[in-house]
């Protein structure tokens, strides 16, 4: 009877260990995924005051909602947010926003 008890305890301990490892690995993967997302410099939207600019919006819409960019070089427009903590770079193609990249201001 004692060896059966020990065998059951070992089986239970192995199950607990496997489950614990599953939780740790799952949490680690989720943390890495969130960290990658937060550190990404690509965005689908940017804010201009209370207005939102999204990929696909036209140049006129951006100008109407955000005004003239801080810097303009061809199809790349650069805006600084009001607080000055972020810089947004919009790339246009065919008159529409193709991508929005953000970075911390220098």
N, C-alpha and C. Protein backbone atom coordinates (compact mmCIF):
# COMPACT_ATOMS: atom_id res chain seq x y z
N UNK A 1 0.81 -1.18 0.00
CA UNK A 1 0.00 0.00 0.00
C UNK A 1 0.87 1.26 0.00
N UNK A 2 1.97 1.24 0.70
CA UNK A 2 2.86 2.38 0.79
C UNK A 2 3.47 2.72 -0.56
N UNK A 3 3.85 1.72 -1.35
CA UNK A 3 4.43 1.98 -2.67
C UNK A 3 3.38 2.56 -3.62
N UNK A 4 2.14 2.14 -3.46
CA UNK A 4 1.06 2.70 -4.28
C UNK A 4 0.84 4.17 -3.93
N UNK A 5 0.88 4.50 -2.66
CA UNK A 5 0.76 5.88 -2.22
C UNK A 5 1.88 6.74 -2.77
N UNK A 6 3.11 6.23 -2.70
CA UNK A 6 4.26 6.95 -3.22
C UNK A 6 4.14 7.16 -4.73
N UNK A 7 3.68 6.13 -5.43
CA UNK A 7 3.51 6.22 -6.88
C UNK A 7 2.46 7.28 -7.22
N UNK A 8 1.35 7.30 -6.48
CA UNK A 8 0.30 8.31 -6.69
C UNK A 8 0.82 9.71 -6.40
N UNK A 9 1.62 9.83 -5.35
CA UNK A 9 2.18 11.14 -5.00
C UNK A 9 3.13 11.62 -6.09
N UNK A 10 3.94 10.72 -6.62
CA UNK A 10 4.86 11.08 -7.70
C UNK A 10 4.07 11.52 -8.93
N UNK A 11 3.02 10.78 -9.25
CA UNK A 11 2.18 11.12 -10.40
C UNK A 11 1.54 12.49 -10.20
N UNK A 12 1.04 12.75 -9.01
CA UNK A 12 0.43 14.05 -8.70
C UNK A 12 1.46 15.16 -8.79
N UNK A 13 2.64 14.93 -8.23
CA UNK A 13 3.70 15.94 -8.27
C UNK A 13 4.13 16.24 -9.70
N UNK A 14 4.23 15.22 -10.53
CA UNK A 14 4.58 15.43 -11.94
C UNK A 14 3.50 16.25 -12.65
N UNK A 15 2.25 15.96 -12.35
CA UNK A 15 1.15 16.71 -12.95
C UNK A 15 1.19 18.18 -12.53
N UNK A 16 1.44 18.41 -11.26
CA UNK A 16 1.53 19.78 -10.75
C UNK A 16 2.70 20.50 -11.41
N UNK A 17 3.83 19.81 -11.52
CA UNK A 17 5.01 20.41 -12.14
C UNK A 17 4.72 20.77 -13.60
N UNK A 18 4.11 19.85 -14.35
CA UNK A 18 3.79 20.12 -15.76
C UNK A 18 2.83 21.29 -15.89
N UNK A 19 1.82 21.32 -15.04
CA UNK A 19 0.85 22.40 -15.08
C UNK A 19 1.52 23.73 -14.74
N UNK A 20 2.38 23.72 -13.73
CA UNK A 20 3.10 24.93 -13.34
C UNK A 20 3.99 25.44 -14.48
N UNK A 21 4.68 24.52 -15.14
CA UNK A 21 5.53 24.89 -16.26
C UNK A 21 4.70 25.46 -17.40
N UNK A 22 3.54 24.87 -17.64
CA UNK A 22 2.65 25.37 -18.68
C UNK A 22 2.24 26.81 -18.38
N UNK A 23 1.89 27.08 -17.13
CA UNK A 23 1.49 28.43 -16.72
C UNK A 23 2.66 29.40 -16.90
N UNK A 24 3.84 29.02 -16.45
CA UNK A 24 5.02 29.89 -16.56
C UNK A 24 5.34 30.18 -18.02
N UNK A 25 5.34 29.16 -18.85
CA UNK A 25 5.66 29.34 -20.27
C UNK A 25 4.59 30.20 -20.95
N UNK A 26 3.32 29.94 -20.65
CA UNK A 26 2.24 30.73 -21.24
C UNK A 26 2.35 32.19 -20.85
N UNK A 27 2.62 32.45 -19.58
CA UNK A 27 2.76 33.83 -19.11
C UNK A 27 3.96 34.50 -19.77
N UNK A 28 5.07 33.76 -19.89
CA UNK A 28 6.26 34.32 -20.52
C UNK A 28 6.00 34.68 -21.97
N UNK A 29 5.32 33.81 -22.70
CA UNK A 29 5.00 34.08 -24.10
C UNK A 29 4.09 35.30 -24.22
N UNK A 30 3.11 35.40 -23.35
CA UNK A 30 2.20 36.54 -23.38
C UNK A 30 2.95 37.83 -23.07
N UNK A 31 3.87 37.78 -22.11
CA UNK A 31 4.64 38.96 -21.74
C UNK A 31 5.52 39.40 -22.90
N UNK A 32 6.18 38.47 -23.56
CA UNK A 32 7.03 38.79 -24.71
C UNK A 32 6.19 39.39 -25.82
N UNK A 33 5.01 38.82 -26.06
CA UNK A 33 4.13 39.32 -27.10
C UNK A 33 3.70 40.76 -26.82
N UNK A 34 3.32 41.05 -25.59
CA UNK A 34 2.91 42.40 -25.21
C UNK A 34 4.10 43.35 -25.31
N UNK A 35 5.26 42.92 -24.85
CA UNK A 35 6.45 43.77 -24.92
C UNK A 35 6.81 44.09 -26.36
N UNK A 36 6.72 43.11 -27.24
CA UNK A 36 6.99 43.35 -28.66
C UNK A 36 6.01 44.37 -29.22
N UNK A 37 4.75 44.23 -28.85
CA UNK A 37 3.73 45.15 -29.34
C UNK A 37 3.98 46.57 -28.84
N UNK A 38 4.35 46.72 -27.58
CA UNK A 38 4.58 48.03 -27.01
C UNK A 38 5.82 48.70 -27.57
N UNK A 39 6.83 47.92 -27.93
CA UNK A 39 8.06 48.51 -28.43
C UNK A 39 8.03 48.74 -29.93
N UNK A 40 6.99 48.28 -30.58
CA UNK A 40 6.87 48.44 -32.02
C UNK A 40 6.75 49.91 -32.38
N UNK A 41 7.38 50.31 -33.48
CA UNK A 41 7.30 51.70 -33.89
C UNK A 41 6.25 51.92 -34.96
N UNK A 42 5.49 50.90 -35.28
CA UNK A 42 4.47 51.02 -36.29
C UNK A 42 3.10 51.09 -35.63
N UNK A 43 2.27 52.00 -36.13
CA UNK A 43 0.94 52.16 -35.55
C UNK A 43 -0.08 52.25 -36.68
N UNK A 44 -1.33 52.02 -36.35
CA UNK A 44 -2.40 52.16 -37.34
C UNK A 44 -3.12 53.49 -37.20
N UNK A 45 -2.90 54.17 -36.08
CA UNK A 45 -3.55 55.46 -35.85
C UNK A 45 -2.60 56.41 -35.14
N UNK A 46 -2.93 57.68 -35.24
CA UNK A 46 -2.26 58.70 -34.44
C UNK A 46 -3.32 59.72 -34.05
N UNK A 47 -3.04 60.49 -33.02
CA UNK A 47 -4.00 61.51 -32.59
C UNK A 47 -3.47 62.90 -32.89
N UNK A 48 -4.38 63.75 -33.27
CA UNK A 48 -4.12 65.18 -33.43
C UNK A 48 -5.17 65.87 -32.58
N UNK A 49 -4.81 66.22 -31.36
CA UNK A 49 -5.80 66.77 -30.43
C UNK A 49 -6.83 65.71 -30.11
N UNK A 50 -8.08 65.95 -30.51
CA UNK A 50 -9.14 64.97 -30.29
C UNK A 50 -9.46 64.18 -31.55
N UNK A 51 -8.70 64.42 -32.61
CA UNK A 51 -8.93 63.74 -33.89
C UNK A 51 -8.01 62.54 -34.03
N UNK A 52 -8.50 61.54 -34.75
CA UNK A 52 -7.71 60.35 -35.04
C UNK A 52 -7.40 60.29 -36.52
N UNK A 53 -6.16 59.99 -36.83
CA UNK A 53 -5.73 59.76 -38.20
C UNK A 53 -5.41 58.28 -38.31
N UNK A 54 -5.88 57.65 -39.38
CA UNK A 54 -5.68 56.21 -39.57
C UNK A 54 -5.05 55.93 -40.92
N UNK A 55 -4.42 54.76 -41.01
CA UNK A 55 -3.92 54.30 -42.31
C UNK A 55 -5.11 54.29 -43.26
N UNK A 56 -4.92 54.84 -44.45
CA UNK A 56 -5.99 54.91 -45.45
C UNK A 56 -6.60 56.30 -45.57
N UNK A 57 -6.42 57.15 -44.54
CA UNK A 57 -6.95 58.52 -44.62
C UNK A 57 -6.21 59.31 -45.69
N UNK A 58 -6.91 60.27 -46.29
CA UNK A 58 -6.33 61.09 -47.35
C UNK A 58 -5.52 62.25 -46.81
N UNK A 59 -4.68 62.82 -47.69
CA UNK A 59 -3.85 63.96 -47.31
C UNK A 59 -4.70 65.13 -46.83
N UNK A 60 -5.82 65.41 -47.51
CA UNK A 60 -6.69 66.52 -47.11
C UNK A 60 -7.24 66.33 -45.71
N UNK A 61 -7.64 65.10 -45.40
CA UNK A 61 -8.17 64.80 -44.06
C UNK A 61 -7.10 65.04 -43.00
N UNK A 62 -5.88 64.62 -43.28
CA UNK A 62 -4.78 64.82 -42.33
C UNK A 62 -4.53 66.31 -42.13
N UNK A 63 -4.47 67.06 -43.23
CA UNK A 63 -4.23 68.50 -43.12
C UNK A 63 -5.37 69.20 -42.37
N UNK A 64 -6.60 68.80 -42.64
CA UNK A 64 -7.74 69.42 -41.96
C UNK A 64 -7.74 69.12 -40.47
N UNK A 65 -7.33 67.93 -40.08
CA UNK A 65 -7.40 67.54 -38.67
C UNK A 65 -6.13 67.87 -37.89
N UNK A 66 -4.98 67.88 -38.59
CA UNK A 66 -3.71 68.06 -37.88
C UNK A 66 -2.97 69.34 -38.27
N UNK A 67 -3.36 69.96 -39.35
CA UNK A 67 -2.63 71.13 -39.82
C UNK A 67 -1.38 70.72 -40.58
N UNK A 68 -0.55 71.69 -40.85
CA UNK A 68 0.69 71.43 -41.57
C UNK A 68 1.66 70.62 -40.70
N UNK A 69 2.37 69.68 -41.30
CA UNK A 69 3.34 68.89 -40.52
C UNK A 69 4.53 69.74 -40.08
N UNK A 70 5.22 69.27 -39.07
CA UNK A 70 6.44 69.94 -38.60
C UNK A 70 7.53 69.88 -39.66
N UNK A 71 7.52 68.79 -40.40
CA UNK A 71 8.54 68.57 -41.43
C UNK A 71 7.90 67.77 -42.55
N UNK A 72 8.21 68.12 -43.77
CA UNK A 72 7.62 67.44 -44.93
C UNK A 72 8.72 67.17 -45.95
N UNK A 73 8.88 65.91 -46.28
CA UNK A 73 9.88 65.51 -47.28
C UNK A 73 9.21 64.54 -48.24
N UNK A 74 8.76 65.05 -49.37
CA UNK A 74 8.07 64.20 -50.34
C UNK A 74 6.81 63.60 -49.75
N UNK A 75 6.74 62.28 -49.76
CA UNK A 75 5.58 61.56 -49.24
C UNK A 75 5.68 61.24 -47.76
N UNK A 76 6.67 61.78 -47.07
CA UNK A 76 6.83 61.55 -45.63
C UNK A 76 6.60 62.85 -44.87
N UNK A 77 5.59 62.79 -44.01
CA UNK A 77 5.25 63.95 -43.19
C UNK A 77 5.54 63.61 -41.74
N UNK A 78 6.09 64.57 -41.00
CA UNK A 78 6.42 64.35 -39.60
C UNK A 78 5.63 65.32 -38.72
N UNK A 79 5.00 64.76 -37.69
CA UNK A 79 4.26 65.55 -36.71
C UNK A 79 4.79 65.23 -35.32
N UNK A 80 4.83 66.26 -34.47
CA UNK A 80 5.12 66.07 -33.04
C UNK A 80 3.80 66.25 -32.31
N UNK A 81 3.55 65.42 -31.29
CA UNK A 81 2.31 65.60 -30.55
C UNK A 81 2.42 66.82 -29.64
N UNK A 82 1.29 67.27 -29.12
CA UNK A 82 1.24 68.51 -28.34
C UNK A 82 2.19 68.47 -27.15
N UNK A 83 2.24 67.34 -26.46
CA UNK A 83 3.11 67.23 -25.29
C UNK A 83 4.58 67.13 -25.69
N UNK A 84 4.85 66.86 -26.95
CA UNK A 84 6.22 66.75 -27.42
C UNK A 84 6.92 65.47 -27.04
N UNK A 85 6.15 64.47 -26.58
CA UNK A 85 6.78 63.23 -26.15
C UNK A 85 6.89 62.20 -27.27
N UNK A 86 6.12 62.38 -28.34
CA UNK A 86 6.16 61.44 -29.46
C UNK A 86 6.29 62.18 -30.77
N UNK A 87 6.93 61.52 -31.72
CA UNK A 87 7.03 62.03 -33.08
C UNK A 87 6.38 60.99 -33.98
N UNK A 88 5.49 61.44 -34.84
CA UNK A 88 4.81 60.56 -35.78
C UNK A 88 5.29 60.84 -37.19
N UNK A 89 5.59 59.78 -37.93
CA UNK A 89 5.96 59.94 -39.32
C UNK A 89 4.93 59.21 -40.17
N UNK A 90 4.26 59.95 -41.03
CA UNK A 90 3.26 59.39 -41.92
C UNK A 90 3.87 59.25 -43.30
N UNK A 91 3.65 58.10 -43.92
CA UNK A 91 4.09 57.88 -45.29
C UNK A 91 2.84 57.78 -46.15
N UNK A 92 2.83 58.59 -47.23
CA UNK A 92 1.68 58.63 -48.13
C UNK A 92 2.00 57.93 -49.44
N UNK A 93 0.98 57.42 -50.07
CA UNK A 93 1.07 56.84 -51.40
C UNK A 93 -0.29 56.98 -52.06
N UNK A 94 -0.33 57.50 -53.27
CA UNK A 94 -1.61 57.69 -53.95
C UNK A 94 -2.53 58.64 -53.21
N UNK A 95 -1.95 59.55 -52.41
CA UNK A 95 -2.74 60.53 -51.69
C UNK A 95 -3.32 60.05 -50.36
N UNK A 96 -2.99 58.81 -49.97
CA UNK A 96 -3.51 58.25 -48.71
C UNK A 96 -2.38 57.80 -47.80
N UNK A 97 -2.68 57.78 -46.50
CA UNK A 97 -1.69 57.32 -45.52
C UNK A 97 -1.45 55.83 -45.71
N UNK A 98 -0.20 55.46 -45.97
CA UNK A 98 0.17 54.04 -46.11
C UNK A 98 0.65 53.46 -44.79
N UNK A 99 1.37 54.29 -44.01
CA UNK A 99 1.89 53.80 -42.73
C UNK A 99 2.06 54.96 -41.77
N UNK A 100 2.01 54.63 -40.50
CA UNK A 100 2.24 55.60 -39.42
C UNK A 100 3.28 54.98 -38.50
N UNK A 101 4.39 55.68 -38.33
CA UNK A 101 5.43 55.22 -37.41
C UNK A 101 5.58 56.24 -36.29
N UNK A 102 5.81 55.74 -35.11
CA UNK A 102 5.95 56.62 -33.95
C UNK A 102 7.23 56.28 -33.21
N UNK A 103 7.79 57.30 -32.57
CA UNK A 103 8.98 57.11 -31.74
C UNK A 103 8.97 58.17 -30.66
N UNK A 104 9.72 57.94 -29.63
CA UNK A 104 9.85 58.93 -28.57
C UNK A 104 10.60 60.14 -29.11
N UNK A 105 10.19 61.31 -28.69
CA UNK A 105 10.87 62.54 -29.11
C UNK A 105 12.26 62.58 -28.49
N UNK A 106 13.17 63.22 -29.20
CA UNK A 106 14.54 63.34 -28.70
C UNK A 106 14.64 64.26 -27.53
